[in-house]
C-alpha atoms as a PDB file:
ATOM      1  CA  UNK A   1      22.253 -10.824  21.504  1.00  0.00           C
ATOM      2  CA  UNK A   2      20.449  -7.208  22.727  1.00  0.00           C
ATOM      3  CA  UNK A   3      21.925  -5.525  20.038  1.00  0.00           C
ATOM      4  CA  UNK A   4      21.171  -7.921  17.211  1.00  0.00           C
ATOM      5  CA  UNK A   5      17.993  -8.493  18.570  1.00  0.00           C
ATOM      6  CA  UNK A   6      17.394  -4.398  18.028  1.00  0.00           C
ATOM      7  CA  UNK A   7      18.631  -4.389  15.079  1.00  0.00           C
ATOM      8  CA  UNK A   8      19.272  -7.234  12.875  1.00  0.00           C
ATOM      9  CA  UNK A   9      20.997  -5.272   9.974  1.00  0.00           C
ATOM     10  CA  UNK A  10      23.351  -3.612  12.056  1.00  0.00           C
ATOM     11  CA  UNK A  11      26.178  -5.542  10.393  1.00  0.00           C
ATOM     12  CA  UNK A  12      25.079  -5.146   7.073  1.00  0.00           C
ATOM     13  CA  UNK A  13      26.679  -1.901   5.050  1.00  0.00           C
ATOM     14  CA  UNK A  14      23.965   1.052   4.574  1.00  0.00           C
ATOM     15  CA  UNK A  15      23.444   0.385   0.851  1.00  0.00           C
ATOM     16  CA  UNK A  16      23.288  -3.347   0.998  1.00  0.00           C
ATOM     17  CA  UNK A  17      20.559  -4.616  -0.991  1.00  0.00           C
ATOM     18  CA  UNK A  18      18.450  -6.925   0.869  1.00  0.00           C
ATOM     19  CA  UNK A  19      15.125  -8.732   0.126  1.00  0.00           C
ATOM     20  CA  UNK A  20      12.361  -8.912   3.132  1.00  0.00           C
ATOM     21  CA  UNK A  21       9.008  -9.500   3.938  1.00  0.00           C
ATOM     22  CA  UNK A  22       6.983  -9.025   5.478  1.00  0.00           C
ATOM     23  CA  UNK A  23       5.693  -5.894   3.250  1.00  0.00           C
ATOM     24  CA  UNK A  24       4.431  -3.932   5.435  1.00  0.00           C
ATOM     25  CA  UNK A  25       7.393  -3.116   6.927  1.00  0.00           C
ATOM     26  CA  UNK A  26       9.515  -2.798   4.436  1.00  0.00           C
ATOM     27  CA  UNK A  27       9.753   0.663   4.220  1.00  0.00           C
ATOM     28  CA  UNK A  28       8.632   2.734   1.022  1.00  0.00           C
ATOM     29  CA  UNK A  29      11.358   2.136  -1.489  1.00  0.00           C
ATOM     30  CA  UNK A  30      12.115   4.601  -4.232  1.00  0.00           C
ATOM     31  CA  UNK A  31       9.420   7.489  -4.191  1.00  0.00           C
ATOM     32  CA  UNK A  32       9.231   7.479  -7.643  1.00  0.00           C
ATOM     33  CA  UNK A  33       5.078   9.062  -9.180  1.00  0.00           C
ATOM     34  CA  UNK A  34       6.861   7.231 -12.605  1.00  0.00           C
ATOM     35  CA  UNK A  35       7.158   4.039 -10.770  1.00  0.00           C
ATOM     36  CA  UNK A  36       4.219   3.884  -9.129  1.00  0.00           C
ATOM     37  CA  UNK A  37       1.984   5.454 -12.126  1.00  0.00           C
ATOM     38  CA  UNK A  38       1.231   2.206 -14.856  1.00  0.00           C
ATOM     39  CA  UNK A  39      -0.665   5.072 -17.144  1.00  0.00           C
ATOM     40  CA  UNK A  40      -0.102   4.824 -21.027  1.00  0.00           C
ATOM     41  CA  UNK A  41       0.909   8.860 -21.119  1.00  0.00           C
ATOM     42  CA  UNK A  42       1.775   8.569 -24.862  1.00  0.00           C
ATOM     43  CA  UNK A  43      -1.671   7.593 -24.993  1.00  0.00           C
ATOM     44  CA  UNK A  44      -3.704  10.217 -23.514  1.00  0.00           C
ATOM     45  CA  UNK A  45      -2.913  10.506 -20.176  1.00  0.00           C
ATOM     46  CA  UNK A  46      -1.915  13.696 -18.734  1.00  0.00           C
ATOM     47  CA  UNK A  47       1.012  14.455 -16.291  1.00  0.00           C
ATOM     48  CA  UNK A  48       1.949  17.749 -14.783  1.00  0.00           C
ATOM     49  CA  UNK A  49       4.314  19.238 -12.865  1.00  0.00           C
ATOM     50  CA  UNK A  50       4.618  22.245 -10.314  1.00  0.00           C
ATOM     51  CA  UNK A  51       7.730  23.968  -8.967  1.00  0.00           C
ATOM     52  CA  UNK A  52       6.676  22.839  -5.643  1.00  0.00           C
ATOM     53  CA  UNK A  53       7.547  19.413  -6.336  1.00  0.00           C
ATOM     54  CA  UNK A  54       3.562  18.381  -6.521  1.00  0.00           C
ATOM     55  CA  UNK A  55       3.360  15.715  -9.185  1.00  0.00           C
ATOM     56  CA  UNK A  56       0.053  15.393 -11.360  1.00  0.00           C
ATOM     57  CA  UNK A  57      -1.442  12.369 -13.614  1.00  0.00           C
ATOM     58  CA  UNK A  58      -5.066  11.827 -15.133  1.00  0.00           C
ATOM     59  CA  UNK A  59      -7.277  10.324 -17.415  1.00  0.00           C
ATOM     60  CA  UNK A  60      -8.254  11.731 -21.100  1.00  0.00           C
ATOM     61  CA  UNK A  61     -11.444  12.178 -19.591  1.00  0.00           C
ATOM     62  CA  UNK A  62     -10.147  13.456 -16.380  1.00  0.00           C
ATOM     63  CA  UNK A  63     -12.237  12.107 -14.369  1.00  0.00           C
ATOM     64  CA  UNK A  64      -9.888  10.365 -12.611  1.00  0.00           C
ATOM     65  CA  UNK A  65      -6.649  11.347 -11.379  1.00  0.00           C
ATOM     66  CA  UNK A  66      -3.699  11.098  -8.851  1.00  0.00           C
ATOM     67  CA  UNK A  67      -1.123  13.180  -7.347  1.00  0.00           C
ATOM     68  CA  UNK A  68       1.996  13.272  -5.045  1.00  0.00           C
ATOM     69  CA  UNK A  69       2.236  15.459  -2.838  1.00  0.00           C
ATOM     70  CA  UNK A  70       5.761  15.508  -1.188  1.00  0.00           C
ATOM     71  CA  UNK A  71       6.085  16.801   2.484  1.00  0.00           C
ATOM     72  CA  UNK A  72       9.544  15.710   3.297  1.00  0.00           C
ATOM     73  CA  UNK A  73       9.446  17.556   6.891  1.00  0.00           C
ATOM     74  CA  UNK A  74       6.618  15.853   8.097  1.00  0.00           C
ATOM     75  CA  UNK A  75       6.372  11.836   9.527  1.00  0.00           C
ATOM     76  CA  UNK A  76       4.440  10.622   6.513  1.00  0.00           C
ATOM     77  CA  UNK A  77       7.082  12.840   4.312  1.00  0.00           C
ATOM     78  CA  UNK A  78       4.115  13.124   2.006  1.00  0.00           C
ATOM     79  CA  UNK A  79       0.732  11.757   0.487  1.00  0.00           C
ATOM     80  CA  UNK A  80      -0.349  10.027  -2.706  1.00  0.00           C
ATOM     81  CA  UNK A  81      -4.075  11.164  -3.006  1.00  0.00           C
ATOM     82  CA  UNK A  82      -6.208   9.100  -5.888  1.00  0.00           C
ATOM     83  CA  UNK A  83      -9.837  10.547  -6.771  1.00  0.00           C
ATOM     84  CA  UNK A  84     -12.374   9.977  -9.051  1.00  0.00           C
ATOM     85  CA  UNK A  85     -15.245  11.991 -10.383  1.00  0.00           C
ATOM     86  CA  UNK A  86     -18.535  11.583 -12.499  1.00  0.00           C
ATOM     87  CA  UNK A  87     -17.809  14.975 -14.505  1.00  0.00           C
ATOM     88  CA  UNK A  88     -14.372  16.323 -15.823  1.00  0.00           C
ATOM     89  CA  UNK A  89     -13.555  18.357 -13.013  1.00  0.00           C
ATOM     90  CA  UNK A  90     -16.370  17.935 -10.452  1.00  0.00           C
ATOM     91  CA  UNK A  91     -16.257  16.946  -6.862  1.00  0.00           C
ATOM     92  CA  UNK A  92     -15.041  14.037  -5.875  1.00  0.00           C
ATOM     93  CA  UNK A  93     -17.320  10.729  -5.839  1.00  0.00           C
ATOM     94  CA  UNK A  94     -14.230   8.893  -3.480  1.00  0.00           C
ATOM     95  CA  UNK A  95     -10.919   9.183  -2.507  1.00  0.00           C
ATOM     96  CA  UNK A  96      -8.021   7.186  -1.782  1.00  0.00           C
ATOM     97  CA  UNK A  97      -4.956   8.413   0.436  1.00  0.00           C
ATOM     98  CA  UNK A  98      -1.713   6.998   1.280  1.00  0.00           C
ATOM     99  CA  UNK A  99       1.517   8.580   3.189  1.00  0.00           C
ATOM    100  CA  UNK A 100       4.374   8.432   1.063  1.00  0.00           C
ATOM    101  CA  UNK A 101       5.839   5.632   3.196  1.00  0.00           C
ATOM    102  CA  UNK A 102       3.749   3.183   1.836  1.00  0.00           C
ATOM    103  CA  UNK A 103       5.922   0.511   0.230  1.00  0.00           C
ATOM    104  CA  UNK A 104       6.382   1.687  -3.302  1.00  0.00           C
ATOM    105  CA  UNK A 105       5.398  -1.916  -4.651  1.00  0.00           C
ATOM    106  CA  UNK A 106       1.723  -1.400  -2.777  1.00  0.00           C
ATOM    107  CA  UNK A 107       0.890   1.729  -4.490  1.00  0.00           C
ATOM    108  CA  UNK A 108       1.761   0.114  -7.863  1.00  0.00           C
ATOM    109  CA  UNK A 109      -0.587  -2.043  -7.536  1.00  0.00           C
ATOM    110  CA  UNK A 110      -3.312  -0.364  -6.297  1.00  0.00           C
ATOM    111  CA  UNK A 111      -2.841   2.116  -9.270  1.00  0.00           C
ATOM    112  CA  UNK A 112      -2.862  -0.817 -11.743  1.00  0.00           C
ATOM    113  CA  UNK A 113      -5.829  -2.435 -10.860  1.00  0.00           C
ATOM    114  CA  UNK A 114      -7.553   1.346 -11.050  1.00  0.00           C
ATOM    115  CA  UNK A 115      -5.916   1.509 -14.769  1.00  0.00           C
ATOM    116  CA  UNK A 116      -7.346  -1.709 -15.388  1.00  0.00           C
ATOM    117  CA  UNK A 117     -11.054  -0.258 -13.766  1.00  0.00           C
ATOM    118  CA  UNK A 118     -11.096   2.540 -15.530  1.00  0.00           C
ATOM    119  CA  UNK A 119     -10.411   0.935 -19.182  1.00  0.00           C
ATOM    120  CA  UNK A 120     -12.796  -1.778 -18.137  1.00  0.00           C
ATOM    121  CA  UNK A 121     -15.712   1.128 -17.832  1.00  0.00           C
ATOM    122  CA  UNK A 122     -14.533   2.923 -21.341  1.00  0.00           C
ATOM    123  CA  UNK A 123     -14.956   0.060 -22.779  1.00  0.00           C
ATOM    124  CA  UNK A 124     -18.442  -0.962 -21.362  1.00  0.00           C
ATOM    125  CA  UNK A 125     -21.659   0.173 -20.709  1.00  0.00           C
ATOM    126  CA  UNK A 126     -21.033  -0.170 -16.431  1.00  0.00           C
ATOM    127  CA  UNK A 127     -18.765   1.945 -14.809  1.00  0.00           C
ATOM    128  CA  UNK A 128     -16.915   0.444 -11.623  1.00  0.00           C
ATOM    129  CA  UNK A 129     -15.289   2.544 -10.968  1.00  0.00           C
ATOM    130  CA  UNK A 130     -18.422   4.059  -9.402  1.00  0.00           C
ATOM    131  CA  UNK A 131     -20.991   1.101  -8.595  1.00  0.00           C
ATOM    132  CA  UNK A 132     -18.292  -1.677  -7.939  1.00  0.00           C
ATOM    133  CA  UNK A 133     -20.058  -5.285  -7.129  1.00  0.00           C
ATOM    134  CA  UNK A 134     -17.536  -6.447  -5.573  1.00  0.00           C
ATOM    135  CA  UNK A 135     -18.331  -7.408  -2.052  1.00  0.00           C
ATOM    136  CA  UNK A 136     -16.364  -6.309   0.949  1.00  0.00           C
ATOM    137  CA  UNK A 137     -15.475  -9.746   2.092  1.00  0.00           C
ATOM    138  CA  UNK A 138     -13.150 -10.399  -1.420  1.00  0.00           C
ATOM    139  CA  UNK A 139     -11.325  -7.776   0.224  1.00  0.00           C
ATOM    140  CA  UNK A 140     -10.556  -9.212   3.890  1.00  0.00           C
ATOM    141  CA  UNK A 141     -10.724 -13.100   3.460  1.00  0.00           C
ATOM    142  CA  UNK A 142      -7.325 -13.445   2.372  1.00  0.00           C
ATOM    143  CA  UNK A 143      -6.447 -11.790   5.520  1.00  0.00           C
ATOM    144  CA  UNK A 144      -7.704 -14.501   7.485  1.00  0.00           C
ATOM    145  CA  UNK A 145      -6.681 -17.167   5.122  1.00  0.00           C
ATOM    146  CA  UNK A 146      -2.897 -15.577   5.868  1.00  0.00           C
ATOM    147  CA  UNK A 147      -3.351 -15.941   9.645  1.00  0.00           C
ATOM    148  CA  UNK A 148      -4.539 -12.170  10.459  1.00  0.00           C
ATOM    149  CA  UNK A 149      -6.385 -12.113  13.288  1.00  0.00           C
ATOM    150  CA  UNK A 150     -10.522 -10.800  13.650  1.00  0.00           C
ATOM    151  CA  UNK A 151     -12.161  -8.779  15.923  1.00  0.00           C
ATOM    152  CA  UNK A 152     -15.720  -7.377  15.892  1.00  0.00           C
ATOM    153  CA  UNK A 153     -16.786  -3.677  17.201  1.00  0.00           C
ATOM    154  CA  UNK A 154     -20.040  -2.544  18.164  1.00  0.00           C
ATOM    155  CA  UNK A 155     -19.311   0.652  16.311  1.00  0.00           C
ATOM    156  CA  UNK A 156     -19.173  -1.090  13.336  1.00  0.00           C
ATOM    157  CA  UNK A 157     -16.113  -1.189  12.607  1.00  0.00           C
ATOM    158  CA  UNK A 158     -13.827  -4.830  11.926  1.00  0.00           C
ATOM    159  CA  UNK A 159     -10.005  -5.043  12.622  1.00  0.00           C
ATOM    160  CA  UNK A 160      -7.788  -7.351  11.041  1.00  0.00           C
ATOM    161  CA  UNK A 161      -4.340  -7.542  12.416  1.00  0.00           C
ATOM    162  CA  UNK A 162      -1.378  -9.307  10.958  1.00  0.00           C
ATOM    163  CA  UNK A 163       0.557 -12.064  13.102  1.00  0.00           C
ATOM    164  CA  UNK A 164       3.065  -9.974  13.953  1.00  0.00           C
ATOM    165  CA  UNK A 165       0.639  -7.312  15.517  1.00  0.00           C
ATOM    166  CA  UNK A 166       2.772  -4.610  13.341  1.00  0.00           C
ATOM    167  CA  UNK A 167      -0.217  -4.091  10.381  1.00  0.00           C
ATOM    168  CA  UNK A 168      -3.433  -4.089   9.994  1.00  0.00           C
ATOM    169  CA  UNK A 169      -6.715  -3.180   7.941  1.00  0.00           C
ATOM    170  CA  UNK A 170      -9.794  -1.935   9.634  1.00  0.00           C
ATOM    171  CA  UNK A 171     -12.968  -1.899   7.668  1.00  0.00           C
ATOM    172  CA  UNK A 172     -15.815   0.431   8.598  1.00  0.00           C
ATOM    173  CA  UNK A 173     -19.025  -2.333   7.924  1.00  0.00           C
ATOM    174  CA  UNK A 174     -21.882   0.207   9.302  1.00  0.00           C
ATOM    175  CA  UNK A 175     -21.871   3.498   7.747  1.00  0.00           C
ATOM    176  CA  UNK A 176     -25.163   5.046   8.609  1.00  0.00           C
ATOM    177  CA  UNK A 177     -24.357   7.701  10.899  1.00  0.00           C
ATOM    178  CA  UNK A 178     -20.799   7.062  10.973  1.00  0.00           C
ATOM    179  CA  UNK A 179     -17.762   9.158   9.552  1.00  0.00           C
ATOM    180  CA  UNK A 180     -14.505   8.304   8.456  1.00  0.00           C
ATOM    181  CA  UNK A 181     -13.158   6.261   5.662  1.00  0.00           C
ATOM    182  CA  UNK A 182     -14.611   3.040   4.738  1.00  0.00           C
ATOM    183  CA  UNK A 183     -11.140   1.160   5.244  1.00  0.00           C
ATOM    184  CA  UNK A 184      -7.997   2.340   7.001  1.00  0.00           C
ATOM    185  CA  UNK A 185      -4.741   0.579   7.022  1.00  0.00           C
ATOM    186  CA  UNK A 186      -1.190   0.550   8.513  1.00  0.00           C
ATOM    187  CA  UNK A 187       2.136  -0.928   9.032  1.00  0.00           C
ATOM    188  CA  UNK A 188       4.182  -0.585  12.057  1.00  0.00           C
ATOM    189  CA  UNK A 189       3.278   0.079  15.455  1.00  0.00           C
ATOM    190  CA  UNK A 190      -0.480   1.306  15.864  1.00  0.00           C
ATOM    191  CA  UNK A 191       0.317   3.881  18.091  1.00  0.00           C
ATOM    192  CA  UNK A 192       3.083   5.314  15.883  1.00  0.00           C
ATOM    193  CA  UNK A 193       2.942   3.891  12.521  1.00  0.00           C
ATOM    194  CA  UNK A 194       5.103   3.854   9.468  1.00  0.00           C
ATOM    195  CA  UNK A 195       2.302   4.456   6.903  1.00  0.00           C
ATOM    196  CA  UNK A 196      -1.663   4.933   6.640  1.00  0.00           C
ATOM    197  CA  UNK A 197      -3.636   4.632   4.094  1.00  0.00           C
ATOM    198  CA  UNK A 198      -7.578   5.648   3.869  1.00  0.00           C
ATOM    199  CA  UNK A 199     -10.233   4.831   1.447  1.00  0.00           C
ATOM    200  CA  UNK A 200     -13.108   6.647   1.193  1.00  0.00           C
ATOM    201  CA  UNK A 201     -17.107   5.460   1.166  1.00  0.00           C
ATOM    202  CA  UNK A 202     -17.097   4.711  -2.264  1.00  0.00           C
ATOM    203  CA  UNK A 203     -13.843   3.477  -3.156  1.00  0.00           C
ATOM    204  CA  UNK A 204     -14.075   0.474  -5.488  1.00  0.00           C
ATOM    205  CA  UNK A 205     -14.104  -2.317  -3.770  1.00  0.00           C
ATOM    206  CA  UNK A 206     -11.876  -4.312  -6.188  1.00  0.00           C
ATOM    207  CA  UNK A 207      -9.403  -1.588  -5.808  1.00  0.00           C
ATOM    208  CA  UNK A 208      -8.981  -2.491  -1.488  1.00  0.00           C
ATOM    209  CA  UNK A 209      -8.983  -6.451  -2.765  1.00  0.00           C
ATOM    210  CA  UNK A 210      -5.972  -5.437  -4.491  1.00  0.00           C
ATOM    211  CA  UNK A 211      -3.897  -3.215  -1.591  1.00  0.00           C
ATOM    212  CA  UNK A 212      -4.571  -5.984   0.582  1.00  0.00           C
ATOM    213  CA  UNK A 213      -3.403  -8.819  -1.805  1.00  0.00           C
ATOM    214  CA  UNK A 214      -0.703  -7.210  -2.259  1.00  0.00           C
ATOM    215  CA  UNK A 215      -0.139  -6.319   1.133  1.00  0.00           C
ATOM    216  CA  UNK A 216       0.019  -9.486   2.243  1.00  0.00           C
ATOM    217  CA  UNK A 217       1.660 -10.726  -1.212  1.00  0.00           C
ATOM    218  CA  UNK A 218       4.840 -13.399  -0.571  1.00  0.00           C
ATOM    219  CA  UNK A 219       6.916 -11.623  -2.898  1.00  0.00           C
ATOM    220  CA  UNK A 220       9.699 -10.156  -0.898  1.00  0.00           C
ATOM    221  CA  UNK A 221      10.935  -6.576  -1.656  1.00  0.00           C
ATOM    222  CA  UNK A 222      14.456  -5.054  -2.877  1.00  0.00           C
ATOM    223  CA  UNK A 223      15.430  -2.734   0.374  1.00  0.00           C
ATOM    224  CA  UNK A 224      18.714  -0.945   0.915  1.00  0.00           C
ATOM    225  CA  UNK A 225      18.915  -1.753   4.640  1.00  0.00           C
ATOM    226  CA  UNK A 226      19.426   2.046   5.508  1.00  0.00           C
ATOM    227  CA  UNK A 227      15.826   2.480   4.140  1.00  0.00           C
ATOM    228  CA  UNK A 228      14.477   0.034   6.450  1.00  0.00           C
ATOM    229  CA  UNK A 229      12.180   1.190   9.001  1.00  0.00           C
ATOM    230  CA  UNK A 230      14.636   1.172  12.576  1.00  0.00           C
ATOM    231  CA  UNK A 231      12.012   0.264  15.487  1.00  0.00           C
ATOM    232  CA  UNK A 232      10.558  -2.585  13.655  1.00  0.00           C
ATOM    233  CA  UNK A 233      13.662  -4.168  12.257  1.00  0.00           C
ATOM    234  CA  UNK A 234      13.781  -7.407  14.221  1.00  0.00           C
ATOM    235  CA  UNK A 235      10.339  -8.639  13.127  1.00  0.00           C
ATOM    236  CA  UNK A 236      11.709  -8.762   9.085  1.00  0.00           C
ATOM    237  CA  UNK A 237      12.470 -11.783   7.944  1.00  0.00           C
ATOM    238  CA  UNK A 238      15.620 -12.080   4.802  1.00  0.00           C
ATOM    239  CA  UNK A 239      13.315 -13.614   2.406  1.00  0.00           C
ATOM    240  CA  UNK A 240      16.618 -14.990   0.098  1.00  0.00           C
ATOM    241  CA  UNK A 241      20.272 -14.846   1.313  1.00  0.00           C
ATOM    242  CA  UNK A 242      22.050 -11.626   0.692  1.00  0.00           C
ATOM    243  CA  UNK A 243      25.129 -11.517  -1.630  1.00  0.00           C
ATOM    244  CA  UNK A 244      27.985 -12.358   0.712  1.00  0.00           C
ATOM    245  CA  UNK A 245      29.786  -9.386  -0.389  1.00  0.00           C
ATOM    246  CA  UNK A 246      29.581  -7.229   2.364  1.00  0.00           C
ATOM    247  CA  UNK A 247      27.292  -8.946   4.981  1.00  0.00           C
ATOM    248  CA  UNK A 248      29.252 -10.192   8.241  1.00  0.00           C
ATOM    249  CA  UNK A 249      25.344 -10.805  10.150  1.00  0.00           C
ATOM    250  CA  UNK A 250      22.695 -12.178   8.552  1.00  0.00           C
ATOM    251  CA  UNK A 251      18.379 -11.687   8.946  1.00  0.00           C
ATOM    252  CA  UNK A 252      16.774 -14.837  10.136  1.00  0.00           C
ATOM    253  CA  UNK A 253      15.797 -16.533   6.641  1.00  0.00           C
ATOM    254  CA  UNK A 254      11.684 -16.388   5.948  1.00  0.00           C
ATOM    255  CA  UNK A 255      10.399 -20.092   5.597  1.00  0.00           C
ATOM    256  CA  UNK A 256       7.772 -20.425   2.875  1.00  0.00           C
ATOM    257  CA  UNK A 257       4.651 -18.182   3.076  1.00  0.00           C
ATOM    258  CA  UNK A 258       1.426 -20.311   4.166  1.00  0.00           C
ATOM    259  CA  UNK A 259      -1.797 -19.609   2.004  1.00  0.00           C
ATOM    260  CA  UNK A 260       0.308 -16.334   0.301  1.00  0.00           C
ATOM    261  CA  UNK A 261      -2.326 -13.744  -0.712  1.00  0.00           C
ATOM    262  CA  UNK A 262      -2.209 -13.333  -4.504  1.00  0.00           C
ATOM    263  CA  UNK A 263      -0.486 -10.167  -6.147  1.00  0.00           C
ATOM    264  CA  UNK A 264       1.491  -7.868  -7.867  1.00  0.00           C
ATOM    265  CA  UNK A 265       4.834  -7.011  -8.473  1.00  0.00           C
ATOM    266  CA  UNK A 266       7.214  -4.356 -10.055  1.00  0.00           C
END
């Protein structure tokens, strides 16, 4: 029993594919920029690679760009960085970073929302990439609806924790005289997270809302057993039965989530 509690995947073949929830503990999945980026590269979007393995994508106007910098020797395995500037090649108006260990489906949903905002701004007289009217509560109310806890500190931050305590979203609502990101999120133990995300002041709240919606989505993620983070496996649920072949052990089957968040899936 202790071994099964420590690693409920132990009787599965390493390459056995399972469907798991919650998303914040699922592991990164396939780290492939072309799976993350929904950009129409055949319609003016730019794609560049470097000899060091770094991959860049940018909008036709070169005011919005995103980059994947792999660093396999580091804990986060690299960084996904998104930035936008008011003029081509100008200083960043805001920046979003994710560890490469962030679930790839969440990264995809964030970039899809960014593309939508970019296209809406290009065809209207409003630019929501830099002036997003979405209120912050749109990004965190859905967390509360899914049972995440809420605490507020006098330092101007509020924190939302997943029911299992192994995922969190922090919002800095008092920005005057403060440094650091406006939004921070993580999955895993807070002292040693599997992944982290940081969204600076000015990052579109609509994108933050897309991130949190994907984070709590009830759509399960496909993962090979060997790729699921080890230390929090006992908090994962099998969202659908794994194929009978190669499975002499099972994971707990997740009940239908209550008040599941909206979210896209690959």
